[in-house]
Amino acid sequence: MPRPGRPSILLSDEREGPVGRLLRARAAGIALVLTFASSATAASQARPLLADGCNLETINGRLWPAEAPKVTASEEVVLEGWAVDPRAHNVPLHLRLRFVTGADGPVDVPVRHRTLRPDLMAVWKTDAYLIAGFTVTVPPQTLGSGIWRVSLVYRADAKEFLCDNGRTLDVIHARQPQ
């Protein structure tokens, strides 16, 4: 039996925080309605189910721009954001960043460092969301050259969920001096 999902769309006003944009989008009734295959079909195809409840907010300490930010493969990339499982009203324990490009991938990087997010806890009135924040450092040479789509993946109830904000990252390899 198909299941409807409603991923939220974040608005692009950078003066507001991401939670404010999420709330304005939900209040305005902006949502995508997608139909998913049954969990048995999804498991047999090894495709994660789409989920909402996440955001990749910053890259190297700056708000993530609309266009793919450029980074060199020789530098660390620090990503910050948050993720919640709104179905279960908790924080996914085994969260990973997933990088996918047409040439390579996917490359998964585990989220190991959690940060406190009292703003999320207050907005959704869910104490468990206090530890929804995270910081991930992607080591140099983890990603090859190209434009990578960056999303979050987690497992819950024996299913894999993918939360995607449409973030991309342009990795370039610096030329060696001759």
N, C-alpha and C. Protein backbone atom coordinates (compact mmCIF):
# COMPACT_ATOMS: atom_id res chain seq x y z
N MET A 1 0.85 -1.18 0.00
CA MET A 1 0.00 0.00 0.00
C MET A 1 0.90 1.24 0.00
N PRO A 2 0.73 2.18 -0.93
CA PRO A 2 1.56 3.39 -0.95
C PRO A 2 1.35 4.24 0.30
N ARG A 3 2.41 4.92 0.72
CA ARG A 3 2.36 5.80 1.89
C ARG A 3 2.69 7.22 1.47
N PRO A 4 1.85 8.20 1.80
CA PRO A 4 2.18 9.59 1.45
C PRO A 4 3.24 10.13 2.39
N GLY A 5 4.08 11.01 1.89
CA GLY A 5 5.07 11.71 2.71
C GLY A 5 4.97 13.18 2.41
N ARG A 6 5.40 14.02 3.34
CA ARG A 6 5.30 15.46 3.15
C ARG A 6 6.60 16.14 3.52
N PRO A 7 7.66 16.02 2.68
CA PRO A 7 8.90 16.74 3.00
C PRO A 7 8.67 18.25 2.97
N SER A 8 9.16 18.95 3.95
CA SER A 8 8.99 20.40 4.01
C SER A 8 9.98 21.08 3.09
N ILE A 9 9.61 22.24 2.60
CA ILE A 9 10.50 23.05 1.78
C ILE A 9 10.98 24.21 2.64
N LEU A 10 12.27 24.41 2.71
CA LEU A 10 12.80 25.54 3.45
C LEU A 10 12.83 26.76 2.53
N LEU A 11 12.37 27.88 3.04
CA LEU A 11 12.38 29.11 2.27
C LEU A 11 13.77 29.70 2.27
N SER A 12 14.07 30.59 1.34
CA SER A 12 15.46 31.02 1.16
C SER A 12 15.82 32.34 1.83
N ASP A 13 15.03 32.84 2.74
CA ASP A 13 15.35 34.08 3.44
C ASP A 13 16.45 33.81 4.45
N GLU A 14 17.70 34.22 4.17
CA GLU A 14 18.83 33.90 5.03
C GLU A 14 18.85 34.71 6.32
N ARG A 15 17.99 35.73 6.44
CA ARG A 15 17.97 36.52 7.67
C ARG A 15 17.31 35.74 8.79
N GLU A 16 16.45 34.77 8.47
CA GLU A 16 15.82 33.94 9.49
C GLU A 16 16.67 32.70 9.70
N GLY A 17 16.52 32.10 10.86
CA GLY A 17 17.18 30.82 11.08
C GLY A 17 16.43 29.72 10.34
N PRO A 18 17.05 28.56 10.17
CA PRO A 18 16.41 27.48 9.43
C PRO A 18 15.12 26.98 10.09
N VAL A 19 15.05 27.04 11.42
CA VAL A 19 13.83 26.60 12.08
C VAL A 19 12.70 27.56 11.75
N GLY A 20 12.97 28.87 11.73
CA GLY A 20 11.95 29.85 11.37
C GLY A 20 11.45 29.64 9.95
N ARG A 21 12.37 29.33 9.03
CA ARG A 21 11.97 29.07 7.65
C ARG A 21 11.12 27.82 7.57
N LEU A 22 11.51 26.78 8.32
CA LEU A 22 10.75 25.55 8.32
C LEU A 22 9.34 25.79 8.83
N LEU A 23 9.23 26.54 9.92
CA LEU A 23 7.91 26.82 10.48
C LEU A 23 7.07 27.66 9.54
N ARG A 24 7.68 28.68 8.89
CA ARG A 24 6.92 29.49 7.94
C ARG A 24 6.44 28.65 6.77
N ALA A 25 7.28 27.72 6.29
CA ALA A 25 6.89 26.87 5.17
C ALA A 25 5.74 25.97 5.57
N ARG A 26 5.83 25.39 6.77
CA ARG A 26 4.74 24.52 7.22
C ARG A 26 3.46 25.32 7.46
N ALA A 27 3.59 26.51 8.05
CA ALA A 27 2.42 27.34 8.32
C ALA A 27 1.76 27.78 7.02
N ALA A 28 2.57 28.00 5.99
CA ALA A 28 2.03 28.42 4.70
C ALA A 28 1.45 27.24 3.92
N GLY A 29 1.60 26.05 4.46
CA GLY A 29 1.06 24.87 3.79
C GLY A 29 1.90 24.42 2.61
N ILE A 30 3.16 24.85 2.58
CA ILE A 30 4.03 24.46 1.47
C ILE A 30 4.58 23.07 1.78
N ALA A 31 4.28 22.13 0.93
CA ALA A 31 4.77 20.77 1.12
C ALA A 31 4.72 20.03 -0.20
N LEU A 32 5.58 19.06 -0.35
CA LEU A 32 5.53 18.15 -1.48
C LEU A 32 4.79 16.91 -1.03
N VAL A 33 3.99 16.34 -1.87
CA VAL A 33 3.33 15.09 -1.54
C VAL A 33 3.90 14.04 -2.46
N LEU A 34 4.58 13.07 -1.88
CA LEU A 34 5.20 11.99 -2.64
C LEU A 34 4.56 10.68 -2.24
N THR A 35 4.54 9.73 -3.14
CA THR A 35 4.01 8.42 -2.83
C THR A 35 5.17 7.44 -2.80
N PHE A 36 5.22 6.61 -1.77
CA PHE A 36 6.29 5.66 -1.59
C PHE A 36 5.78 4.25 -1.80
N ALA A 37 6.67 3.38 -2.21
CA ALA A 37 6.34 1.96 -2.32
C ALA A 37 6.24 1.38 -0.92
N SER A 38 5.64 0.21 -0.83
CA SER A 38 5.54 -0.45 0.48
C SER A 38 6.93 -0.74 1.00
N SER A 39 7.05 -0.96 2.31
CA SER A 39 8.37 -1.21 2.88
C SER A 39 9.00 -2.46 2.30
N ALA A 40 8.21 -3.47 1.96
CA ALA A 40 8.77 -4.68 1.36
C ALA A 40 9.37 -4.37 0.00
N THR A 41 8.66 -3.57 -0.80
CA THR A 41 9.19 -3.19 -2.11
C THR A 41 10.43 -2.33 -1.94
N ALA A 42 10.38 -1.37 -1.02
CA ALA A 42 11.53 -0.49 -0.81
C ALA A 42 12.75 -1.29 -0.36
N ALA A 43 12.54 -2.25 0.53
CA ALA A 43 13.67 -3.06 1.00
C ALA A 43 14.24 -3.89 -0.13
N SER A 44 13.38 -4.43 -0.98
CA SER A 44 13.89 -5.26 -2.07
C SER A 44 14.66 -4.43 -3.08
N GLN A 45 14.32 -3.15 -3.22
CA GLN A 45 15.03 -2.29 -4.16
C GLN A 45 16.20 -1.58 -3.48
N ALA A 46 16.37 -1.75 -2.17
CA ALA A 46 17.45 -1.14 -1.39
C ALA A 46 17.48 0.37 -1.55
N ARG A 47 16.33 0.99 -1.66
CA ARG A 47 16.23 2.44 -1.73
C ARG A 47 15.70 2.97 -0.41
N PRO A 48 16.32 4.02 0.11
CA PRO A 48 15.80 4.56 1.37
C PRO A 48 14.48 5.28 1.15
N LEU A 49 13.67 5.32 2.19
CA LEU A 49 12.43 6.08 2.18
C LEU A 49 12.76 7.54 2.41
N LEU A 50 12.04 8.44 1.78
CA LEU A 50 12.27 9.87 1.99
C LEU A 50 11.72 10.28 3.34
N ALA A 51 12.44 11.17 3.99
CA ALA A 51 12.04 11.66 5.30
C ALA A 51 12.24 13.17 5.36
N ASP A 52 11.52 13.82 6.26
CA ASP A 52 11.80 15.23 6.53
C ASP A 52 12.33 15.32 7.95
N GLY A 53 12.67 16.51 8.38
CA GLY A 53 13.18 16.67 9.74
C GLY A 53 14.69 16.78 9.80
N CYS A 54 15.28 17.48 8.82
CA CYS A 54 16.73 17.67 8.87
C CYS A 54 17.10 18.94 8.13
N ASN A 55 18.31 19.40 8.36
CA ASN A 55 18.85 20.52 7.60
C ASN A 55 20.36 20.50 7.70
N LEU A 56 21.01 20.73 6.58
CA LEU A 56 22.44 20.99 6.54
C LEU A 56 22.55 22.50 6.47
N GLU A 57 23.02 23.13 7.56
CA GLU A 57 22.96 24.58 7.68
C GLU A 57 24.22 25.29 7.24
N THR A 58 25.38 24.79 7.67
CA THR A 58 26.61 25.51 7.37
C THR A 58 27.66 24.59 6.77
N ILE A 59 28.55 25.21 6.01
CA ILE A 59 29.72 24.53 5.48
C ILE A 59 30.92 25.43 5.78
N ASN A 60 31.88 24.88 6.48
CA ASN A 60 33.07 25.63 6.92
C ASN A 60 32.70 26.95 7.61
N GLY A 61 31.67 26.87 8.48
CA GLY A 61 31.29 28.01 9.30
C GLY A 61 30.41 29.06 8.64
N ARG A 62 30.01 28.85 7.39
CA ARG A 62 29.16 29.82 6.68
C ARG A 62 27.85 29.16 6.27
N LEU A 63 26.79 29.97 6.20
CA LEU A 63 25.52 29.43 5.72
C LEU A 63 25.71 28.79 4.36
N TRP A 64 25.05 27.67 4.15
CA TRP A 64 25.18 26.94 2.89
C TRP A 64 24.54 27.77 1.79
N PRO A 65 25.31 28.15 0.76
CA PRO A 65 24.74 28.99 -0.32
C PRO A 65 23.85 28.19 -1.26
N ALA A 66 23.07 28.90 -2.07
CA ALA A 66 22.16 28.25 -3.02
C ALA A 66 22.94 27.46 -4.07
N GLU A 67 24.05 28.02 -4.53
CA GLU A 67 24.88 27.31 -5.50
C GLU A 67 25.88 26.44 -4.77
N ALA A 68 26.33 25.37 -5.44
CA ALA A 68 27.28 24.44 -4.81
C ALA A 68 28.56 25.17 -4.42
N PRO A 69 28.87 25.21 -3.12
CA PRO A 69 30.14 25.84 -2.71
C PRO A 69 31.32 25.01 -3.20
N LYS A 70 32.40 25.70 -3.55
CA LYS A 70 33.60 25.02 -4.03
C LYS A 70 34.56 24.79 -2.87
N VAL A 71 35.08 23.57 -2.81
CA VAL A 71 36.11 23.22 -1.84
C VAL A 71 37.16 22.41 -2.57
N THR A 72 38.38 22.46 -2.07
CA THR A 72 39.42 21.64 -2.68
C THR A 72 39.49 20.30 -1.95
N ALA A 73 39.87 19.28 -2.68
CA ALA A 73 39.92 17.94 -2.11
C ALA A 73 40.99 17.82 -1.05
N SER A 74 41.92 18.78 -0.97
CA SER A 74 42.99 18.70 0.01
C SER A 74 42.63 19.36 1.34
N GLU A 75 41.45 19.94 1.46
CA GLU A 75 41.08 20.60 2.72
C GLU A 75 39.96 19.85 3.43
N GLU A 76 39.94 19.97 4.75
CA GLU A 76 38.83 19.43 5.52
C GLU A 76 37.58 20.24 5.22
N VAL A 77 36.45 19.59 5.27
CA VAL A 77 35.17 20.27 5.10
C VAL A 77 34.37 20.03 6.37
N VAL A 78 33.94 21.10 7.04
CA VAL A 78 33.17 20.98 8.27
C VAL A 78 31.72 21.34 7.97
N LEU A 79 30.83 20.38 8.20
CA LEU A 79 29.41 20.56 7.95
C LEU A 79 28.67 20.54 9.28
N GLU A 80 27.69 21.45 9.41
CA GLU A 80 26.86 21.49 10.62
C GLU A 80 25.39 21.49 10.22
N GLY A 81 24.60 20.87 11.06
CA GLY A 81 23.16 20.83 10.80
C GLY A 81 22.44 20.14 11.93
N TRP A 82 21.27 19.59 11.60
CA TRP A 82 20.48 18.89 12.60
C TRP A 82 19.61 17.85 11.91
N ALA A 83 19.19 16.86 12.69
CA ALA A 83 18.30 15.81 12.18
C ALA A 83 17.44 15.27 13.31
N VAL A 84 16.16 15.11 13.02
CA VAL A 84 15.21 14.50 13.95
C VAL A 84 14.40 13.46 13.17
N ASP A 85 13.83 12.53 13.89
CA ASP A 85 12.90 11.57 13.30
C ASP A 85 11.51 11.98 13.77
N PRO A 86 10.79 12.77 12.95
CA PRO A 86 9.50 13.27 13.41
C PRO A 86 8.44 12.19 13.58
N ARG A 87 8.62 11.04 12.94
CA ARG A 87 7.66 9.94 13.11
C ARG A 87 7.74 9.38 14.54
N ALA A 88 8.98 9.20 15.02
CA ALA A 88 9.21 8.59 16.33
C ALA A 88 9.41 9.62 17.43
N HIS A 89 9.48 10.91 17.08
CA HIS A 89 9.71 11.99 18.04
C HIS A 89 11.01 11.79 18.81
N ASN A 90 12.07 11.40 18.07
CA ASN A 90 13.38 11.26 18.69
C ASN A 90 14.45 11.66 17.69
N VAL A 91 15.69 11.48 18.09
CA VAL A 91 16.84 11.82 17.25
C VAL A 91 17.44 10.52 16.71
N PRO A 92 17.65 10.43 15.40
CA PRO A 92 18.27 9.21 14.86
C PRO A 92 19.64 8.98 15.47
N LEU A 93 19.88 7.76 15.93
CA LEU A 93 21.15 7.44 16.59
C LEU A 93 22.27 7.16 15.61
N HIS A 94 21.98 6.49 14.52
CA HIS A 94 23.01 6.10 13.56
C HIS A 94 22.86 6.93 12.29
N LEU A 95 23.25 8.18 12.41
CA LEU A 95 23.10 9.16 11.34
C LEU A 95 24.38 9.21 10.51
N ARG A 96 24.21 9.32 9.18
CA ARG A 96 25.36 9.43 8.28
C ARG A 96 25.10 10.52 7.26
N LEU A 97 26.15 11.21 6.88
CA LEU A 97 26.09 12.09 5.72
C LEU A 97 26.31 11.21 4.51
N ARG A 98 25.51 11.39 3.46
CA ARG A 98 25.68 10.63 2.23
C ARG A 98 26.02 11.59 1.11
N PHE A 99 27.15 11.31 0.44
CA PHE A 99 27.60 12.09 -0.71
C PHE A 99 27.42 11.22 -1.95
N VAL A 100 26.76 11.77 -2.97
CA VAL A 100 26.53 11.03 -4.21
C VAL A 100 26.84 11.93 -5.38
N THR A 101 27.55 11.38 -6.36
CA THR A 101 27.81 12.07 -7.62
C THR A 101 27.61 11.07 -8.74
N GLY A 102 27.49 11.56 -9.97
CA GLY A 102 27.27 10.67 -11.10
C GLY A 102 28.43 9.72 -11.33
N ALA A 103 29.64 10.15 -11.03
CA ALA A 103 30.83 9.33 -11.31
C ALA A 103 31.16 8.39 -10.17
N ASP A 104 30.97 8.80 -8.94
CA ASP A 104 31.35 8.01 -7.77
C ASP A 104 30.15 7.93 -6.83
N GLY A 105 30.34 7.14 -5.79
CA GLY A 105 29.37 7.19 -4.71
C GLY A 105 28.57 5.92 -4.59
N PRO A 106 27.75 5.89 -3.57
CA PRO A 106 27.72 6.89 -2.51
C PRO A 106 28.90 6.73 -1.55
N VAL A 107 29.24 7.84 -0.91
CA VAL A 107 30.24 7.85 0.14
C VAL A 107 29.52 8.28 1.41
N ASP A 108 29.53 7.42 2.42
CA ASP A 108 28.87 7.73 3.69
C ASP A 108 29.92 8.11 4.73
N VAL A 109 29.63 9.18 5.48
CA VAL A 109 30.50 9.63 6.56
C VAL A 109 29.65 9.66 7.84
N PRO A 110 30.02 8.88 8.86
CA PRO A 110 29.20 8.83 10.07
C PRO A 110 29.23 10.14 10.85
N VAL A 111 28.08 10.43 11.47
CA VAL A 111 27.96 11.60 12.36
C VAL A 111 28.32 11.11 13.76
N ARG A 112 29.39 11.67 14.30
CA ARG A 112 29.85 11.22 15.62
C ARG A 112 29.77 12.32 16.68
N HIS A 113 29.76 13.58 16.27
CA HIS A 113 29.77 14.68 17.24
C HIS A 113 28.42 15.38 17.25
N ARG A 114 27.68 15.22 18.32
CA ARG A 114 26.36 15.86 18.48
C ARG A 114 26.52 17.22 19.14
N THR A 115 25.62 18.14 18.78
CA THR A 115 25.61 19.47 19.40
C THR A 115 24.21 19.73 19.95
N LEU A 116 24.14 20.59 20.94
CA LEU A 116 22.86 20.90 21.57
C LEU A 116 22.07 21.87 20.71
N ARG A 117 20.76 21.63 20.60
CA ARG A 117 19.87 22.48 19.83
C ARG A 117 18.61 22.80 20.65
N PRO A 118 18.75 23.68 21.65
CA PRO A 118 17.57 24.03 22.44
C PRO A 118 16.49 24.71 21.60
N ASP A 119 16.87 25.34 20.48
CA ASP A 119 15.87 25.96 19.60
C ASP A 119 14.93 24.92 19.01
N LEU A 120 15.45 23.77 18.59
CA LEU A 120 14.60 22.71 18.04
C LEU A 120 13.71 22.10 19.12
N MET A 121 14.29 21.90 20.30
CA MET A 121 13.53 21.36 21.42
C MET A 121 12.35 22.28 21.75
N ALA A 122 12.60 23.59 21.75
CA ALA A 122 11.54 24.55 22.08
C ALA A 122 10.48 24.64 20.99
N VAL A 123 10.90 24.67 19.74
CA VAL A 123 9.94 24.80 18.63
C VAL A 123 9.01 23.60 18.55
N TRP A 124 9.57 22.39 18.65
CA TRP A 124 8.75 21.19 18.52
C TRP A 124 8.29 20.64 19.86
N LYS A 125 8.67 21.31 20.94
CA LYS A 125 8.26 20.89 22.29
C LYS A 125 8.52 19.39 22.51
N THR A 126 9.74 18.99 22.14
CA THR A 126 10.15 17.59 22.29
C THR A 126 11.54 17.59 22.91
N ASP A 127 11.63 17.14 24.16
CA ASP A 127 12.90 17.16 24.89
C ASP A 127 14.01 16.38 24.17
N ALA A 128 13.65 15.31 23.49
CA ALA A 128 14.65 14.48 22.82
C ALA A 128 15.40 15.24 21.73
N TYR A 129 14.82 16.30 21.21
CA TYR A 129 15.45 17.05 20.12
C TYR A 129 16.60 17.94 20.58
N LEU A 130 16.84 18.01 21.89
CA LEU A 130 17.94 18.83 22.42
C LEU A 130 19.27 18.42 21.79
N ILE A 131 19.48 17.13 21.52
CA ILE A 131 20.76 16.67 20.97
C ILE A 131 20.67 16.42 19.46
N ALA A 132 19.79 17.13 18.77
CA ALA A 132 19.58 16.91 17.33
C ALA A 132 20.68 17.52 16.46
N GLY A 133 21.47 18.43 17.00
CA GLY A 133 22.50 19.08 16.21
C GLY A 133 23.72 18.19 16.01
N PHE A 134 24.49 18.51 14.98
CA PHE A 134 25.72 17.75 14.74
C PHE A 134 26.74 18.60 14.01
N THR A 135 27.99 18.20 14.15
CA THR A 135 29.11 18.75 13.40
C THR A 135 29.88 17.55 12.85
N VAL A 136 30.19 17.59 11.55
CA VAL A 136 30.94 16.52 10.91
C VAL A 136 32.11 17.13 10.16
N THR A 137 33.29 16.57 10.38
CA THR A 137 34.47 16.97 9.62
C THR A 137 34.77 15.88 8.61
N VAL A 138 34.71 16.26 7.34
CA VAL A 138 34.99 15.32 6.26
C VAL A 138 36.49 15.44 5.95
N PRO A 139 37.24 14.35 6.17
CA PRO A 139 38.69 14.42 5.96
C PRO A 139 39.07 14.71 4.51
N PRO A 140 40.24 15.31 4.30
CA PRO A 140 40.70 15.56 2.94
C PRO A 140 40.77 14.25 2.15
N GLN A 141 40.60 14.34 0.87
CA GLN A 141 40.67 13.22 -0.07
C GLN A 141 39.54 12.20 0.09
N THR A 142 38.51 12.49 0.90
CA THR A 142 37.39 11.58 1.03
C THR A 142 36.56 11.56 -0.24
N LEU A 143 36.44 12.73 -0.86
CA LEU A 143 35.60 12.87 -2.05
C LEU A 143 36.45 13.18 -3.27
N GLY A 144 36.12 12.59 -4.38
CA GLY A 144 36.80 12.90 -5.64
C GLY A 144 36.24 14.18 -6.24
N SER A 145 36.83 14.60 -7.34
CA SER A 145 36.37 15.82 -8.02
C SER A 145 34.94 15.65 -8.52
N GLY A 146 34.21 16.75 -8.52
CA GLY A 146 32.86 16.74 -9.07
C GLY A 146 31.86 17.39 -8.14
N ILE A 147 30.64 17.46 -8.62
CA ILE A 147 29.55 18.02 -7.82
C ILE A 147 28.85 16.87 -7.12
N TRP A 148 28.84 16.95 -5.80
CA TRP A 148 28.27 15.91 -4.95
C TRP A 148 26.96 16.39 -4.35
N ARG A 149 25.95 15.56 -4.36
CA ARG A 149 24.71 15.82 -3.63
C ARG A 149 24.92 15.33 -2.21
N VAL A 150 24.56 16.16 -1.23
CA VAL A 150 24.79 15.84 0.18
C VAL A 150 23.44 15.68 0.87
N SER A 151 23.23 14.56 1.51
CA SER A 151 21.99 14.32 2.24
C SER A 151 22.31 13.59 3.54
N LEU A 152 21.30 13.34 4.33
CA LEU A 152 21.44 12.62 5.59
C LEU A 152 20.68 11.30 5.50
N VAL A 153 21.28 10.24 6.05
CA VAL A 153 20.67 8.91 6.02
C VAL A 153 20.69 8.35 7.43
N TYR A 154 19.59 7.69 7.81
CA TYR A 154 19.55 7.01 9.10
C TYR A 154 18.65 5.78 9.02
N ARG A 155 18.83 4.87 9.98
CA ARG A 155 18.00 3.66 10.06
C ARG A 155 17.07 3.79 11.26
N ALA A 156 15.83 3.35 11.03
CA ALA A 156 14.84 3.30 12.11
C ALA A 156 13.82 2.23 11.73
N ASP A 157 13.41 1.44 12.69
CA ASP A 157 12.42 0.38 12.44
C ASP A 157 12.81 -0.52 11.28
N ALA A 158 14.09 -0.87 11.21
CA ALA A 158 14.63 -1.77 10.17
C ALA A 158 14.47 -1.20 8.75
N LYS A 159 14.31 0.11 8.64
CA LYS A 159 14.22 0.76 7.34
C LYS A 159 15.26 1.86 7.27
N GLU A 160 15.69 2.18 6.07
CA GLU A 160 16.63 3.28 5.87
C GLU A 160 15.85 4.49 5.37
N PHE A 161 16.14 5.64 5.98
CA PHE A 161 15.48 6.89 5.61
C PHE A 161 16.52 7.87 5.08
N LEU A 162 16.13 8.65 4.09
CA LEU A 162 17.01 9.66 3.49
C LEU A 162 16.32 11.01 3.62
N CYS A 163 17.03 11.98 4.19
CA CYS A 163 16.53 13.34 4.32
C CYS A 163 17.42 14.22 3.45
N ASP A 164 16.81 14.89 2.48
CA ASP A 164 17.57 15.61 1.46
C ASP A 164 17.05 17.05 1.35
N ASN A 165 17.95 18.02 1.56
CA ASN A 165 17.60 19.44 1.42
C ASN A 165 18.01 20.01 0.08
N GLY A 166 18.52 19.17 -0.81
CA GLY A 166 18.98 19.66 -2.11
C GLY A 166 20.34 20.32 -2.05
N ARG A 167 21.14 20.01 -1.03
CA ARG A 167 22.47 20.60 -0.89
C ARG A 167 23.45 19.91 -1.84
N THR A 168 24.33 20.72 -2.42
CA THR A 168 25.38 20.19 -3.29
C THR A 168 26.71 20.81 -2.90
N LEU A 169 27.78 20.12 -3.27
CA LEU A 169 29.13 20.53 -2.93
C LEU A 169 30.00 20.27 -4.16
N ASP A 170 30.78 21.27 -4.58
CA ASP A 170 31.66 21.15 -5.74
C ASP A 170 33.09 20.94 -5.25
N VAL A 171 33.60 19.73 -5.41
CA VAL A 171 34.95 19.39 -4.96
C VAL A 171 35.89 19.50 -6.15
N ILE A 172 36.93 20.30 -5.98
CA ILE A 172 37.92 20.46 -7.05
C ILE A 172 39.28 20.01 -6.52
N HIS A 173 40.06 19.46 -7.40
CA HIS A 173 41.44 19.08 -7.04
C HIS A 173 42.36 20.18 -7.51
N ALA A 174 43.07 20.78 -6.55
CA ALA A 174 44.00 21.86 -6.88
C ALA A 174 45.15 21.29 -7.72
N ARG A 175 45.56 22.04 -8.70
CA ARG A 175 46.68 21.61 -9.54
C ARG A 175 47.98 21.73 -8.76
N GLN A 176 48.82 20.77 -8.96
CA GLN A 176 50.13 20.77 -8.30
C GLN A 176 51.06 21.74 -9.02
N PRO A 177 51.89 22.49 -8.29
CA PRO A 177 52.83 23.39 -8.96
C PRO A 177 53.80 22.58 -9.81
N GLN A 178 54.18 23.16 -10.96
CA GLN A 178 55.07 22.44 -11.89
C GLN A 178 56.49 22.85 -11.72
